[in-house]
């Protein structure tokens, strides 16, 4: 959809961004000192997302892999957000709640509409377009580079949620239960050259 925004308008909106301070991982009720190693075999931390995972390609979700989670983890939650969206708050690209702590990866294309999900792989929630599944990155042309924050939360309790939760209900339910966080950043832009940044912080929260 945003690929149709003209370059000149995207450039005018260059400094209109939700802000990284509004990411779920920065929420004071969701903080933890324990870092979970989160990565993808498809792109390096801080590097550009391959077009395959965006609205310019097949639009499938990327594969993700994570390391050990705290021993007392009862469930995992994945939230993917774009803090550079020209909006009041980050654009939600994906949610999965209730992932079993025994799961250590998501295969390419996993984040799709799943009804009510299951007790092992979790339940795919609603993105910012109010539908289940992966919302492919689709930044406005000329708006500059966007970060896509893949945020994995280890929780001390299982959450009691309605099927296909939205961000608001999920974040409220997670408050005070986060015991570990993983963060991976992928970038994407349109209408300008975009250099990879391998040294950018991704797996660690500092």
N, C-alpha and C. Protein backbone atom coordinates (compact mmCIF):
# COMPACT_ATOMS: atom_id res chain seq x y z
N UNK A 1 0.82 -1.21 0.00
CA UNK A 1 0.00 0.00 0.00
C UNK A 1 0.86 1.26 0.00
N UNK A 2 1.87 1.32 0.89
CA UNK A 2 2.68 2.53 1.00
C UNK A 2 3.67 2.68 -0.13
N UNK A 3 3.80 1.64 -0.96
CA UNK A 3 4.69 1.78 -2.11
C UNK A 3 4.16 2.81 -3.11
N UNK A 4 2.87 3.17 -2.98
CA UNK A 4 2.27 4.15 -3.89
C UNK A 4 2.41 5.59 -3.40
N UNK A 5 2.97 5.78 -2.19
CA UNK A 5 3.22 7.13 -1.70
C UNK A 5 4.34 7.73 -2.55
N UNK A 6 4.14 8.91 -3.12
CA UNK A 6 5.19 9.50 -3.97
C UNK A 6 6.44 9.82 -3.18
N UNK A 7 7.57 9.77 -3.86
CA UNK A 7 8.86 9.99 -3.20
C UNK A 7 8.92 11.33 -2.51
N UNK A 8 8.36 12.37 -3.15
CA UNK A 8 8.44 13.71 -2.56
C UNK A 8 7.69 13.79 -1.24
N UNK A 9 6.56 13.06 -1.13
CA UNK A 9 5.78 13.08 0.11
C UNK A 9 6.50 12.29 1.20
N UNK A 10 7.08 11.16 0.81
CA UNK A 10 7.86 10.40 1.78
C UNK A 10 9.01 11.22 2.34
N UNK A 11 9.67 11.99 1.45
CA UNK A 11 10.79 12.83 1.88
C UNK A 11 10.32 13.92 2.84
N UNK A 12 9.14 14.48 2.57
CA UNK A 12 8.60 15.53 3.45
C UNK A 12 8.29 14.98 4.85
N UNK A 13 7.94 13.70 4.90
CA UNK A 13 7.59 13.06 6.17
C UNK A 13 8.79 12.39 6.84
N UNK A 14 9.98 12.66 6.33
CA UNK A 14 11.18 11.95 6.78
C UNK A 14 11.36 11.97 8.30
N UNK A 15 11.07 13.07 8.93
CA UNK A 15 11.27 13.20 10.38
C UNK A 15 10.03 12.88 11.19
N UNK A 16 8.95 12.46 10.52
CA UNK A 16 7.73 12.05 11.22
C UNK A 16 7.83 10.55 11.47
N UNK A 17 8.12 10.18 12.69
CA UNK A 17 8.35 8.78 13.05
C UNK A 17 7.80 8.50 14.45
N UNK A 18 7.31 7.29 14.65
CA UNK A 18 6.74 6.93 15.95
C UNK A 18 7.79 7.00 17.05
N UNK A 19 8.99 6.49 16.78
CA UNK A 19 10.08 6.56 17.76
C UNK A 19 10.38 5.24 18.43
N UNK A 20 11.68 4.94 18.57
CA UNK A 20 12.12 3.70 19.20
C UNK A 20 11.73 3.62 20.67
N UNK A 21 11.51 4.76 21.31
CA UNK A 21 11.14 4.76 22.72
C UNK A 21 9.75 4.18 22.95
N UNK A 22 9.00 3.95 21.87
CA UNK A 22 7.65 3.40 22.00
C UNK A 22 7.59 1.91 21.67
N UNK A 23 8.74 1.31 21.40
CA UNK A 23 8.76 -0.14 21.18
C UNK A 23 8.34 -0.88 22.44
N UNK A 24 7.75 -2.06 22.26
CA UNK A 24 7.32 -2.86 23.40
C UNK A 24 8.49 -3.18 24.33
N UNK A 25 9.67 -3.47 23.76
CA UNK A 25 10.83 -3.85 24.56
C UNK A 25 11.33 -2.73 25.46
N UNK A 26 10.89 -1.50 25.21
CA UNK A 26 11.32 -0.35 26.01
C UNK A 26 10.29 -0.02 27.09
N UNK A 27 9.10 -0.62 26.99
CA UNK A 27 8.03 -0.37 27.97
C UNK A 27 8.55 -0.71 29.37
N UNK A 28 8.38 0.20 30.31
CA UNK A 28 8.92 0.00 31.65
C UNK A 28 8.30 -1.18 32.37
N UNK A 29 7.13 -1.63 31.94
CA UNK A 29 6.48 -2.78 32.57
C UNK A 29 6.92 -4.11 31.95
N UNK A 30 7.75 -4.04 30.91
CA UNK A 30 8.17 -5.24 30.20
C UNK A 30 9.67 -5.42 30.21
N UNK A 31 10.36 -4.79 31.11
CA UNK A 31 11.81 -4.81 31.11
C UNK A 31 12.37 -6.07 31.79
N UNK A 32 13.60 -6.43 31.42
CA UNK A 32 14.32 -7.54 32.03
C UNK A 32 15.81 -7.35 31.78
N UNK A 33 16.63 -7.79 32.72
CA UNK A 33 18.08 -7.71 32.56
C UNK A 33 18.64 -8.93 31.84
N UNK A 34 17.79 -9.93 31.63
CA UNK A 34 18.25 -11.16 30.98
C UNK A 34 18.06 -11.07 29.48
N UNK A 35 19.16 -11.25 28.74
CA UNK A 35 19.12 -11.12 27.29
C UNK A 35 19.06 -12.50 26.64
N UNK A 36 18.14 -12.66 25.70
CA UNK A 36 18.02 -13.88 24.91
C UNK A 36 18.65 -13.63 23.55
N UNK A 37 19.50 -14.51 23.10
CA UNK A 37 20.14 -14.35 21.79
C UNK A 37 19.11 -14.64 20.69
N UNK A 38 18.81 -13.64 19.89
CA UNK A 38 17.83 -13.77 18.82
C UNK A 38 18.49 -13.43 17.49
N UNK A 39 18.34 -14.28 16.49
CA UNK A 39 18.99 -14.06 15.20
C UNK A 39 18.15 -14.65 14.08
N UNK A 40 18.62 -14.42 12.85
CA UNK A 40 17.97 -14.99 11.67
C UNK A 40 19.04 -15.47 10.71
N UNK A 41 18.84 -16.65 10.10
CA UNK A 41 19.78 -17.10 9.08
C UNK A 41 19.63 -16.32 7.77
N UNK A 42 18.60 -15.46 7.68
CA UNK A 42 18.33 -14.74 6.44
C UNK A 42 18.94 -13.35 6.39
N UNK A 43 19.28 -12.77 7.55
CA UNK A 43 19.89 -11.43 7.56
C UNK A 43 20.63 -11.24 8.87
N UNK A 44 21.68 -10.43 8.82
CA UNK A 44 22.49 -10.16 10.00
C UNK A 44 21.82 -9.10 10.87
N UNK A 45 22.21 -9.08 12.12
CA UNK A 45 21.70 -8.06 13.03
C UNK A 45 22.04 -6.66 12.52
N UNK A 46 21.04 -5.81 12.37
CA UNK A 46 21.25 -4.46 11.89
C UNK A 46 21.35 -4.33 10.39
N UNK A 47 21.22 -5.45 9.65
CA UNK A 47 21.37 -5.43 8.19
C UNK A 47 20.00 -5.33 7.50
N UNK A 48 20.09 -5.11 6.20
CA UNK A 48 18.88 -4.93 5.39
C UNK A 48 18.14 -6.25 5.22
N UNK A 49 16.82 -6.19 5.37
CA UNK A 49 15.98 -7.35 5.12
C UNK A 49 15.98 -7.69 3.64
N UNK A 50 16.14 -8.94 3.26
CA UNK A 50 15.98 -9.31 1.85
C UNK A 50 14.57 -8.98 1.39
N UNK A 51 14.44 -8.56 0.14
CA UNK A 51 13.14 -8.14 -0.40
C UNK A 51 12.09 -9.24 -0.29
N UNK A 52 12.54 -10.49 -0.25
CA UNK A 52 11.61 -11.62 -0.16
C UNK A 52 10.64 -11.47 1.02
N UNK A 53 11.08 -10.85 2.08
CA UNK A 53 10.26 -10.75 3.29
C UNK A 53 9.46 -9.46 3.36
N UNK A 54 9.47 -8.67 2.30
CA UNK A 54 8.81 -7.37 2.27
C UNK A 54 7.71 -7.34 1.21
N UNK A 55 7.04 -6.20 1.14
CA UNK A 55 5.98 -6.01 0.14
C UNK A 55 6.53 -5.93 -1.28
N UNK A 56 7.85 -5.83 -1.42
CA UNK A 56 8.48 -5.81 -2.74
C UNK A 56 8.83 -7.21 -3.23
N UNK A 57 8.58 -8.21 -2.40
CA UNK A 57 8.89 -9.59 -2.76
C UNK A 57 7.72 -10.50 -2.44
N UNK A 58 8.04 -11.71 -2.02
CA UNK A 58 6.99 -12.69 -1.71
C UNK A 58 6.18 -12.31 -0.48
N UNK A 59 6.75 -11.49 0.39
CA UNK A 59 6.02 -11.01 1.56
C UNK A 59 5.83 -12.06 2.64
N UNK A 60 6.74 -13.04 2.72
CA UNK A 60 6.65 -14.06 3.76
C UNK A 60 7.46 -13.63 4.98
N UNK A 61 7.15 -14.19 6.13
CA UNK A 61 7.90 -13.84 7.34
C UNK A 61 9.27 -14.51 7.33
N UNK A 62 10.27 -13.85 7.88
CA UNK A 62 11.64 -14.42 7.87
C UNK A 62 11.80 -15.50 8.94
N UNK A 63 12.78 -16.38 8.75
CA UNK A 63 13.09 -17.38 9.78
C UNK A 63 13.78 -16.72 10.97
N UNK A 64 13.51 -17.24 12.15
CA UNK A 64 14.12 -16.72 13.38
C UNK A 64 14.62 -17.89 14.22
N UNK A 65 15.72 -17.65 14.92
CA UNK A 65 16.31 -18.66 15.81
C UNK A 65 16.69 -17.96 17.11
N UNK A 66 16.46 -18.63 18.24
CA UNK A 66 16.88 -18.02 19.49
C UNK A 66 17.57 -19.04 20.40
N UNK A 67 18.38 -18.49 21.31
CA UNK A 67 19.15 -19.31 22.23
C UNK A 67 18.36 -19.65 23.47
N UNK A 68 19.10 -20.02 24.53
CA UNK A 68 18.47 -20.46 25.77
C UNK A 68 17.61 -19.35 26.37
N UNK A 69 16.48 -19.76 26.91
CA UNK A 69 15.61 -18.84 27.64
C UNK A 69 15.73 -19.17 29.13
N UNK A 70 15.34 -18.26 30.03
CA UNK A 70 15.44 -18.56 31.47
C UNK A 70 14.73 -19.87 31.82
N UNK A 71 15.29 -20.58 32.80
CA UNK A 71 14.78 -21.90 33.16
C UNK A 71 13.32 -21.89 33.60
N UNK A 72 12.87 -20.79 34.18
CA UNK A 72 11.50 -20.73 34.67
C UNK A 72 10.53 -20.10 33.66
N UNK A 73 10.94 -20.05 32.40
CA UNK A 73 10.05 -19.52 31.35
C UNK A 73 8.84 -20.44 31.16
N UNK A 74 7.66 -19.86 31.11
CA UNK A 74 6.43 -20.62 30.90
C UNK A 74 5.84 -20.41 29.51
N UNK A 75 6.17 -19.31 28.89
CA UNK A 75 5.73 -19.07 27.52
C UNK A 75 6.55 -17.96 26.90
N UNK A 76 6.51 -17.88 25.57
CA UNK A 76 7.23 -16.85 24.82
C UNK A 76 6.25 -16.04 23.98
N UNK A 77 6.62 -14.80 23.76
CA UNK A 77 5.81 -13.90 22.92
C UNK A 77 6.74 -13.22 21.93
N UNK A 78 6.32 -13.13 20.68
CA UNK A 78 7.06 -12.39 19.66
C UNK A 78 6.22 -11.20 19.19
N UNK A 79 6.84 -10.03 19.22
CA UNK A 79 6.20 -8.82 18.68
C UNK A 79 7.18 -8.19 17.71
N UNK A 80 6.72 -7.89 16.49
CA UNK A 80 7.55 -7.24 15.48
C UNK A 80 6.95 -5.87 15.19
N UNK A 81 7.76 -4.82 15.36
CA UNK A 81 7.26 -3.45 15.19
C UNK A 81 8.21 -2.61 14.35
N UNK A 82 7.63 -1.60 13.69
CA UNK A 82 8.39 -0.60 12.94
C UNK A 82 8.29 0.73 13.67
N UNK A 83 9.32 1.13 14.42
CA UNK A 83 9.27 2.39 15.15
C UNK A 83 9.48 3.61 14.27
N UNK A 84 9.83 3.39 13.00
CA UNK A 84 10.06 4.51 12.08
C UNK A 84 8.84 4.83 11.22
N UNK A 85 7.74 4.14 11.47
CA UNK A 85 6.52 4.42 10.72
C UNK A 85 6.07 5.86 10.97
N UNK A 86 5.58 6.56 9.94
CA UNK A 86 5.09 7.93 10.12
C UNK A 86 3.71 7.92 10.78
N UNK A 87 3.70 7.57 12.06
CA UNK A 87 2.45 7.38 12.80
C UNK A 87 2.70 7.69 14.27
N UNK A 88 1.64 7.84 15.07
CA UNK A 88 1.82 8.15 16.49
C UNK A 88 2.50 7.04 17.28
N UNK A 89 2.39 5.79 16.82
CA UNK A 89 3.00 4.67 17.53
C UNK A 89 3.57 3.68 16.52
N UNK A 90 4.49 2.82 16.94
CA UNK A 90 5.07 1.86 15.99
C UNK A 90 4.02 1.00 15.30
N UNK A 91 4.29 0.70 14.04
CA UNK A 91 3.41 -0.18 13.27
C UNK A 91 3.71 -1.62 13.66
N UNK A 92 2.66 -2.37 14.01
CA UNK A 92 2.82 -3.76 14.40
C UNK A 92 2.79 -4.64 13.15
N UNK A 93 3.87 -5.37 12.93
CA UNK A 93 3.97 -6.24 11.75
C UNK A 93 3.64 -7.69 12.07
N UNK A 94 3.78 -8.09 13.32
CA UNK A 94 3.45 -9.47 13.68
C UNK A 94 3.38 -9.62 15.19
N UNK A 95 2.52 -10.55 15.60
CA UNK A 95 2.40 -10.94 17.00
C UNK A 95 2.21 -12.45 17.05
N UNK A 96 2.94 -13.11 17.92
CA UNK A 96 2.63 -14.49 18.27
C UNK A 96 2.69 -14.60 19.79
N UNK A 97 1.61 -15.04 20.41
CA UNK A 97 1.54 -15.21 21.86
C UNK A 97 1.46 -16.69 22.20
N UNK A 98 1.96 -17.04 23.38
CA UNK A 98 1.81 -18.40 23.87
C UNK A 98 2.69 -19.43 23.19
N UNK A 99 3.89 -19.03 22.73
CA UNK A 99 4.83 -19.98 22.16
C UNK A 99 5.43 -20.83 23.29
N UNK A 100 5.49 -22.12 23.11
CA UNK A 100 6.06 -23.00 24.12
C UNK A 100 7.54 -22.69 24.32
N UNK A 101 8.03 -22.72 25.58
CA UNK A 101 9.47 -22.48 25.82
C UNK A 101 10.36 -23.56 25.22
N UNK A 102 9.76 -24.66 24.75
CA UNK A 102 10.54 -25.71 24.10
C UNK A 102 10.86 -25.37 22.64
N UNK A 103 10.12 -24.41 22.08
CA UNK A 103 10.36 -23.98 20.70
C UNK A 103 11.60 -23.09 20.67
N UNK A 104 12.47 -23.31 19.69
CA UNK A 104 13.71 -22.52 19.60
C UNK A 104 13.86 -21.81 18.25
N UNK A 105 12.86 -21.93 17.38
CA UNK A 105 12.95 -21.27 16.09
C UNK A 105 11.59 -21.17 15.42
N UNK A 106 11.50 -20.25 14.48
CA UNK A 106 10.34 -20.14 13.60
C UNK A 106 10.86 -20.25 12.18
N UNK A 107 10.29 -21.15 11.41
CA UNK A 107 10.71 -21.32 10.02
C UNK A 107 10.19 -20.18 9.17
N UNK A 108 10.81 -19.98 8.01
CA UNK A 108 10.32 -18.98 7.06
C UNK A 108 8.86 -19.22 6.74
N UNK A 109 8.08 -18.15 6.73
CA UNK A 109 6.67 -18.25 6.38
C UNK A 109 5.76 -18.74 7.48
N UNK A 110 6.27 -18.85 8.71
CA UNK A 110 5.48 -19.38 9.82
C UNK A 110 4.36 -18.44 10.25
N UNK A 111 4.58 -17.14 10.16
CA UNK A 111 3.62 -16.18 10.73
C UNK A 111 2.49 -15.93 9.75
N UNK A 112 1.47 -16.77 9.86
CA UNK A 112 0.29 -16.68 8.99
C UNK A 112 -0.96 -16.85 9.86
N UNK A 113 -2.11 -16.49 9.32
CA UNK A 113 -3.37 -16.66 10.05
C UNK A 113 -3.51 -18.11 10.48
N UNK A 114 -3.85 -18.32 11.76
CA UNK A 114 -3.88 -19.68 12.30
C UNK A 114 -5.13 -19.98 13.13
N UNK A 115 -6.17 -19.19 12.97
CA UNK A 115 -7.36 -19.42 13.79
C UNK A 115 -7.05 -19.12 15.24
N UNK A 116 -7.15 -20.14 16.10
CA UNK A 116 -6.87 -19.95 17.53
C UNK A 116 -5.49 -20.44 17.91
N UNK A 117 -4.68 -20.88 16.94
CA UNK A 117 -3.33 -21.34 17.24
C UNK A 117 -3.33 -22.65 18.01
N UNK A 118 -2.21 -22.96 18.65
CA UNK A 118 -2.12 -24.17 19.47
C UNK A 118 -1.16 -23.94 20.63
N UNK A 119 -1.11 -24.91 21.52
CA UNK A 119 -0.35 -24.76 22.76
C UNK A 119 1.16 -24.86 22.57
N UNK A 120 1.61 -25.27 21.39
CA UNK A 120 3.04 -25.42 21.15
C UNK A 120 3.60 -24.22 20.39
N UNK A 121 3.06 -23.96 19.20
CA UNK A 121 3.60 -22.88 18.37
C UNK A 121 2.95 -21.54 18.65
N UNK A 122 1.94 -21.51 19.53
CA UNK A 122 1.34 -20.25 19.92
C UNK A 122 0.20 -19.81 19.01
N UNK A 123 -0.25 -18.59 19.23
CA UNK A 123 -1.39 -18.04 18.52
C UNK A 123 -0.98 -16.74 17.83
N UNK A 124 -1.11 -16.67 16.51
CA UNK A 124 -0.77 -15.47 15.76
C UNK A 124 -1.84 -14.41 16.01
N UNK A 125 -1.39 -13.24 16.48
CA UNK A 125 -2.32 -12.16 16.79
C UNK A 125 -2.52 -11.22 15.62
N UNK A 126 -3.14 -10.07 15.93
CA UNK A 126 -3.51 -9.10 14.91
C UNK A 126 -2.40 -8.05 14.74
N UNK A 127 -2.06 -7.78 13.47
CA UNK A 127 -1.10 -6.72 13.19
C UNK A 127 -1.83 -5.38 13.12
N UNK A 128 -1.13 -4.33 12.70
CA UNK A 128 -1.75 -3.00 12.67
C UNK A 128 -2.83 -2.85 11.61
N UNK A 129 -2.95 -3.81 10.72
CA UNK A 129 -4.05 -3.79 9.74
C UNK A 129 -5.20 -4.64 10.23
N UNK A 130 -5.16 -5.05 11.52
CA UNK A 130 -6.23 -5.78 12.20
C UNK A 130 -6.50 -7.16 11.60
N UNK A 131 -5.47 -7.76 11.03
CA UNK A 131 -5.61 -9.12 10.51
C UNK A 131 -4.49 -9.98 11.08
N UNK A 132 -4.73 -11.28 11.15
CA UNK A 132 -3.71 -12.20 11.61
C UNK A 132 -2.60 -12.33 10.57
N UNK A 133 -1.39 -12.57 11.05
CA UNK A 133 -0.31 -12.89 10.13
C UNK A 133 0.77 -11.83 10.06
N UNK A 134 1.65 -12.05 9.12
CA UNK A 134 2.81 -11.18 8.89
C UNK A 134 2.41 -10.03 7.98
N UNK A 135 2.67 -8.80 8.43
CA UNK A 135 2.46 -7.60 7.62
C UNK A 135 3.80 -7.24 7.00
N UNK A 136 4.01 -7.51 5.70
CA UNK A 136 5.32 -7.29 5.09
C UNK A 136 5.75 -5.82 5.17
N UNK A 137 7.01 -5.56 5.49
CA UNK A 137 7.52 -4.19 5.49
C UNK A 137 7.21 -3.48 4.17
N UNK A 138 6.72 -2.26 4.28
CA UNK A 138 6.22 -1.52 3.12
C UNK A 138 6.41 -0.03 3.35
N UNK A 139 7.66 0.42 3.62
CA UNK A 139 7.87 1.83 3.98
C UNK A 139 7.62 2.76 2.80
N UNK A 140 7.20 4.00 3.09
CA UNK A 140 6.98 4.96 2.01
C UNK A 140 8.28 5.26 1.26
N UNK A 141 8.20 5.39 -0.04
CA UNK A 141 9.36 5.75 -0.85
C UNK A 141 9.88 7.11 -0.42
N UNK A 142 11.20 7.20 -0.23
CA UNK A 142 11.81 8.47 0.14
C UNK A 142 11.76 8.80 1.61
N UNK A 143 11.15 7.93 2.42
CA UNK A 143 11.02 8.23 3.85
C UNK A 143 12.29 7.87 4.62
N UNK A 144 13.21 7.21 3.97
CA UNK A 144 14.45 6.82 4.65
C UNK A 144 14.38 5.41 5.17
N UNK A 145 15.43 5.02 5.85
CA UNK A 145 15.54 3.65 6.37
C UNK A 145 14.62 3.44 7.56
N UNK A 146 13.97 2.29 7.56
CA UNK A 146 13.12 1.90 8.68
C UNK A 146 13.74 0.72 9.40
N UNK A 147 13.68 0.73 10.72
CA UNK A 147 14.07 -0.42 11.52
C UNK A 147 12.85 -1.31 11.74
N UNK A 148 13.06 -2.62 11.69
CA UNK A 148 12.01 -3.59 12.01
C UNK A 148 12.51 -4.39 13.20
N UNK A 149 11.86 -4.16 14.35
CA UNK A 149 12.32 -4.71 15.63
C UNK A 149 11.59 -6.02 15.92
N UNK A 150 12.35 -7.12 15.88
CA UNK A 150 11.84 -8.43 16.25
C UNK A 150 12.12 -8.59 17.74
N UNK A 151 11.09 -8.62 18.56
CA UNK A 151 11.23 -8.62 20.02
C UNK A 151 10.65 -9.90 20.59
N UNK A 152 11.51 -10.68 21.24
CA UNK A 152 11.08 -11.95 21.84
C UNK A 152 11.09 -11.80 23.36
N UNK A 153 9.96 -12.12 23.99
CA UNK A 153 9.81 -11.99 25.43
C UNK A 153 9.61 -13.36 26.07
N UNK A 154 10.40 -13.66 27.09
CA UNK A 154 10.19 -14.85 27.91
C UNK A 154 9.35 -14.44 29.12
N UNK A 155 8.30 -15.20 29.39
CA UNK A 155 7.36 -14.85 30.45
C UNK A 155 7.37 -15.89 31.57
N UNK A 156 7.16 -15.41 32.78
CA UNK A 156 7.13 -16.30 33.95
C UNK A 156 5.80 -17.01 34.12
N UNK A 157 4.81 -16.60 33.33
CA UNK A 157 3.47 -17.20 33.41
C UNK A 157 2.90 -17.36 32.01
N UNK A 158 1.96 -18.27 31.87
CA UNK A 158 1.19 -18.36 30.65
C UNK A 158 0.11 -17.29 30.71
N UNK A 159 -0.22 -16.71 29.59
CA UNK A 159 -1.18 -15.61 29.55
C UNK A 159 -2.59 -16.12 29.22
N UNK A 160 -3.57 -15.51 29.85
CA UNK A 160 -4.97 -15.84 29.57
C UNK A 160 -5.49 -14.77 28.61
N UNK A 161 -5.49 -15.10 27.32
CA UNK A 161 -5.84 -14.12 26.29
C UNK A 161 -6.96 -14.66 25.39
N UNK A 162 -7.69 -13.75 24.80
CA UNK A 162 -8.61 -14.14 23.74
C UNK A 162 -7.79 -14.58 22.53
N UNK A 163 -8.41 -15.33 21.64
CA UNK A 163 -7.72 -15.75 20.42
C UNK A 163 -7.34 -14.53 19.59
N UNK A 164 -6.17 -14.60 18.94
CA UNK A 164 -5.70 -13.54 18.05
C UNK A 164 -5.62 -12.18 18.74
N UNK A 165 -4.82 -12.07 19.79
CA UNK A 165 -4.76 -10.82 20.55
C UNK A 165 -4.12 -9.69 19.76
N UNK A 166 -4.50 -8.47 20.10
CA UNK A 166 -3.86 -7.28 19.58
C UNK A 166 -2.76 -6.84 20.52
N UNK A 167 -1.98 -5.84 20.09
CA UNK A 167 -0.83 -5.40 20.88
C UNK A 167 -1.24 -4.89 22.25
N UNK A 168 -2.28 -4.07 22.34
CA UNK A 168 -2.66 -3.46 23.60
C UNK A 168 -2.99 -4.49 24.67
N UNK A 169 -3.85 -5.44 24.32
CA UNK A 169 -4.24 -6.47 25.29
C UNK A 169 -3.05 -7.33 25.67
N UNK A 170 -2.21 -7.63 24.69
CA UNK A 170 -1.05 -8.48 24.94
C UNK A 170 -0.06 -7.81 25.88
N UNK A 171 0.29 -6.56 25.60
CA UNK A 171 1.25 -5.84 26.44
C UNK A 171 0.72 -5.69 27.86
N UNK A 172 -0.56 -5.42 28.01
CA UNK A 172 -1.15 -5.30 29.35
C UNK A 172 -1.04 -6.61 30.12
N UNK A 173 -1.30 -7.72 29.42
CA UNK A 173 -1.23 -9.03 30.07
C UNK A 173 0.19 -9.43 30.43
N UNK A 174 1.17 -8.93 29.68
CA UNK A 174 2.58 -9.27 29.91
C UNK A 174 3.21 -8.49 31.05
N UNK A 175 2.62 -7.40 31.45
CA UNK A 175 3.21 -6.50 32.44
C UNK A 175 3.60 -7.26 33.71
N UNK A 176 4.85 -7.09 34.13
CA UNK A 176 5.34 -7.71 35.34
C UNK A 176 5.71 -9.18 35.23
N UNK A 177 5.60 -9.74 34.03
CA UNK A 177 5.85 -11.17 33.84
C UNK A 177 7.07 -11.45 32.95
N UNK A 178 7.72 -10.41 32.45
CA UNK A 178 8.85 -10.59 31.52
C UNK A 178 10.11 -10.93 32.29
N UNK A 179 10.76 -12.06 31.93
CA UNK A 179 12.00 -12.47 32.61
C UNK A 179 13.18 -12.60 31.65
N UNK A 180 12.97 -12.26 30.39
CA UNK A 180 14.03 -12.28 29.40
C UNK A 180 13.56 -11.65 28.11
N UNK A 181 14.48 -10.98 27.40
CA UNK A 181 14.13 -10.30 26.15
C UNK A 181 15.21 -10.54 25.11
N UNK A 182 14.78 -10.83 23.89
CA UNK A 182 15.68 -10.88 22.75
C UNK A 182 15.28 -9.82 21.74
N UNK A 183 16.25 -9.20 21.09
CA UNK A 183 15.97 -8.15 20.11
C UNK A 183 16.83 -8.33 18.88
N UNK A 184 16.19 -8.32 17.73
CA UNK A 184 16.88 -8.39 16.44
C UNK A 184 16.32 -7.29 15.56
N UNK A 185 17.20 -6.48 14.96
CA UNK A 185 16.78 -5.40 14.08
C UNK A 185 17.12 -5.72 12.63
N UNK A 186 16.12 -5.64 11.76
CA UNK A 186 16.34 -5.66 10.32
C UNK A 186 15.91 -4.33 9.76
N UNK A 187 16.49 -3.89 8.65
CA UNK A 187 16.15 -2.59 8.09
C UNK A 187 15.62 -2.74 6.67
N UNK A 188 14.89 -1.71 6.24
CA UNK A 188 14.43 -1.68 4.85
C UNK A 188 14.07 -0.25 4.49
N UNK A 189 14.22 0.10 3.21
CA UNK A 189 13.88 1.44 2.73
C UNK A 189 13.54 1.36 1.26
N UNK A 190 12.95 2.44 0.76
CA UNK A 190 12.63 2.55 -0.66
C UNK A 190 13.08 3.90 -1.19
N UNK A 191 13.47 3.93 -2.45
CA UNK A 191 13.75 5.19 -3.11
C UNK A 191 15.10 5.80 -2.79
N UNK A 192 16.00 5.01 -2.19
CA UNK A 192 17.33 5.53 -1.86
C UNK A 192 18.24 4.35 -1.59
N UNK A 193 19.53 4.59 -1.65
CA UNK A 193 20.50 3.54 -1.34
C UNK A 193 20.45 3.27 0.15
N UNK A 194 20.58 1.99 0.52
CA UNK A 194 20.55 1.62 1.93
C UNK A 194 21.69 0.67 2.21
N UNK A 195 22.65 1.09 3.00
CA UNK A 195 23.81 0.26 3.32
C UNK A 195 23.52 -0.62 4.51
N UNK A 196 24.02 -1.85 4.47
CA UNK A 196 23.91 -2.72 5.63
C UNK A 196 24.77 -2.16 6.76
N UNK A 197 24.38 -2.50 7.98
CA UNK A 197 25.13 -2.04 9.14
C UNK A 197 25.37 -3.20 10.07
N UNK A 198 26.32 -4.08 9.74
CA UNK A 198 26.52 -5.30 10.53
C UNK A 198 26.82 -5.05 12.00
N UNK A 199 27.39 -3.89 12.32
CA UNK A 199 27.77 -3.65 13.70
C UNK A 199 26.67 -3.11 14.58
N UNK A 200 25.49 -2.97 14.04
CA UNK A 200 24.39 -2.38 14.78
C UNK A 200 23.88 -3.32 15.86
N UNK A 201 23.42 -2.79 16.97
CA UNK A 201 22.93 -3.63 18.07
C UNK A 201 21.70 -4.38 17.62
N UNK A 202 21.65 -5.68 17.91
CA UNK A 202 20.49 -6.47 17.54
C UNK A 202 20.14 -7.46 18.60
N UNK A 203 21.06 -8.35 18.92
CA UNK A 203 20.75 -9.41 19.86
C UNK A 203 20.82 -8.92 21.31
N UNK A 204 21.52 -7.83 21.55
CA UNK A 204 21.68 -7.38 22.93
C UNK A 204 20.90 -6.11 23.18
N UNK A 205 20.43 -5.99 24.42
CA UNK A 205 19.76 -4.77 24.85
C UNK A 205 20.71 -4.05 25.82
N UNK A 206 21.02 -2.81 25.51
CA UNK A 206 21.96 -2.09 26.36
C UNK A 206 21.36 -0.75 26.74
